[in-house]
Structures are given as C-alpha cells and as structure tokens.
N, C-alpha and C. Protein backbone atom coordinates (compact mmCIF):
# COMPACT_ATOMS: atom_id res chain seq x y z
N THR A 1 92.34 44.50 71.20
CA THR A 1 92.80 43.03 70.62
C THR A 1 93.52 42.69 69.26
N ASN A 2 92.54 43.04 68.48
CA ASN A 2 93.40 42.76 67.46
C ASN A 2 95.86 43.73 67.71
N CYS A 3 95.13 45.36 68.50
CA CYS A 3 97.13 45.30 68.70
C CYS A 3 98.15 44.91 69.05
N SER A 4 97.50 43.41 69.78
CA SER A 4 98.21 42.23 70.68
C SER A 4 98.25 41.73 69.33
N VAL A 5 97.60 41.35 69.25
CA VAL A 5 97.99 40.09 67.57
C VAL A 5 99.29 41.29 66.89
N LEU A 6 98.87 41.92 65.91
CA LEU A 6 99.47 42.03 65.57
C LEU A 6 101.16 43.28 66.03
N LEU A 7 101.10 43.63 67.45
CA LEU A 7 101.85 43.80 68.57
C LEU A 7 102.91 41.64 68.50
N CYS A 8 102.19 40.88 68.51
CA CYS A 8 102.66 39.90 68.36
C CYS A 8 103.56 38.90 67.28
N ILE A 9 102.37 39.69 66.19
CA ILE A 9 103.66 39.48 64.97
C ILE A 9 104.91 40.50 64.05
N THR A 10 104.75 41.45 64.40
CA THR A 10 105.66 42.55 64.50
C THR A 10 106.92 42.18 64.90
N VAL A 11 106.72 41.56 66.76
CA VAL A 11 107.75 41.28 67.79
C VAL A 11 108.71 39.73 67.16
N THR A 12 108.02 38.58 66.42
CA THR A 12 108.05 38.03 66.11
C THR A 12 109.16 38.03 65.14
N TYR A 13 107.84 38.67 63.62
CA TYR A 13 109.25 39.76 62.40
C TYR A 13 110.56 40.15 62.82
N LEU A 14 110.29 40.89 63.48
CA LEU A 14 111.71 41.86 63.53
C LEU A 14 112.30 40.76 64.20
N ILE A 15 112.47 40.25 65.41
CA ILE A 15 113.70 38.72 65.97
C ILE A 15 114.22 38.00 64.86
N PHE A 16 112.71 37.68 63.88
CA PHE A 16 113.60 37.03 62.44
C PHE A 16 114.81 38.16 61.43
N ILE A 17 114.30 38.64 61.64
CA ILE A 17 114.99 39.81 60.81
C ILE A 17 116.54 40.00 61.76
N VAL A 18 116.60 40.18 62.64
CA VAL A 18 117.48 40.69 63.59
C VAL A 18 118.21 39.22 64.33
N HIS A 19 117.98 38.55 64.27
CA HIS A 19 118.37 37.76 65.14
C HIS A 19 117.74 36.44 64.45
N PRO A 20 119.46 35.77 63.86
CA PRO A 20 119.37 34.40 62.26
C PRO A 20 118.89 33.30 63.67
N GLU A 21 120.06 33.38 64.54
CA GLU A 21 119.67 32.26 65.93
C GLU A 21 118.23 32.23 65.63
N ALA A 22 117.48 33.25 65.87
CA ALA A 22 116.29 33.00 66.42
C ALA A 22 115.62 32.48 66.32
N ARG A 23 115.93 32.68 64.94
CA ARG A 23 114.66 31.63 63.54
C ARG A 23 114.19 30.03 64.25
N VAL A 24 116.28 29.83 64.29
CA VAL A 24 116.16 27.63 64.48
C VAL A 24 115.27 28.23 65.93
N LEU A 25 115.60 29.54 67.13
CA LEU A 25 114.77 28.45 68.56
C LEU A 25 113.24 28.34 68.22
N ILE A 26 112.65 29.62 67.50
CA ILE A 26 111.01 29.63 67.53
C ILE A 26 110.65 28.47 66.49
N LEU A 27 111.23 28.11 65.05
CA LEU A 27 110.96 27.11 64.97
C LEU A 27 110.94 25.89 65.30
N GLY A 28 112.63 26.16 66.34
CA GLY A 28 112.19 23.92 67.06
C GLY A 28 111.45 24.59 68.50
N GLN A 29 110.65 25.51 68.35
CA GLN A 29 109.79 25.83 69.66
C GLN A 29 108.73 25.77 69.04
N ILE A 30 108.09 26.24 68.41
CA ILE A 30 106.56 26.22 67.60
C ILE A 30 106.12 25.86 67.67
N GLU A 31 106.18 24.84 68.62
CA GLU A 31 104.63 24.84 69.25
C GLU A 31 103.70 24.90 70.46
N LEU A 32 105.07 25.15 71.26
CA LEU A 32 104.95 26.26 72.96
C LEU A 32 104.64 28.29 72.28
N TRP A 33 105.47 28.64 71.21
CA TRP A 33 104.98 28.96 71.10
C TRP A 33 103.51 29.75 70.33
N LEU A 34 102.62 29.16 70.05
CA LEU A 34 101.91 28.79 69.42
C LEU A 34 100.83 28.80 70.32
N LEU A 35 101.30 28.39 71.05
CA LEU A 35 100.79 27.14 73.19
C LEU A 35 101.26 28.47 74.05
N TYR A 36 101.80 29.22 73.46
CA TYR A 36 102.28 30.80 74.55
C TYR A 36 101.04 32.32 73.74
N LEU A 37 101.06 32.02 72.57
CA LEU A 37 100.07 32.71 72.40
C LEU A 37 99.05 32.10 71.77
N LEU A 38 98.37 31.66 72.50
CA LEU A 38 96.53 30.98 72.79
C LEU A 38 96.44 31.66 74.18
N VAL A 39 97.26 31.48 74.56
CA VAL A 39 96.98 31.33 76.29
C VAL A 39 97.15 33.57 76.74
N VAL A 40 97.65 34.16 75.51
CA VAL A 40 97.46 35.36 75.79
C VAL A 40 96.72 35.76 75.23
N PHE A 41 95.60 34.99 74.25
CA PHE A 41 94.72 35.21 73.73
C PHE A 41 93.24 35.64 74.50
N GLN A 42 93.68 34.57 75.69
CA GLN A 42 92.67 33.45 76.21
C GLN A 42 92.92 34.51 77.38
N GLN A 43 93.79 35.19 77.38
CA GLN A 43 93.76 36.06 78.67
C GLN A 43 93.04 37.35 78.21
N LEU A 44 93.40 37.70 76.81
CA LEU A 44 92.89 38.76 76.03
C LEU A 44 91.16 38.97 76.22
N LYS A 45 90.63 38.09 75.93
CA LYS A 45 88.70 37.95 75.62
C LYS A 45 88.45 37.60 77.52
C-alpha cells in the first residue's frame, strides 16, 4: 500500500516538473484528483 502511495506522489511530482500546463490542470481539478486518490486507497484496502 505504501508503494502505491509513493507511486502516486512520484507520478504527480514528475507531471509537475515535466508538464507546466499540467500544474494548472491538477490544481484546477485538485478536488477530483483527491477524490480519485481516495477511491484508489479504498480499493487497496
């Protein structure tokens, strides 16, 4: 489970660095992104 959390963080971090436009997208959709992560965590449990 920790590995998946780390993967999510790493992917997000990489997107932030590589894709400046994606920052706006992620920040604009932060609630959906958090909801998505919540769903993923629920499935991992």
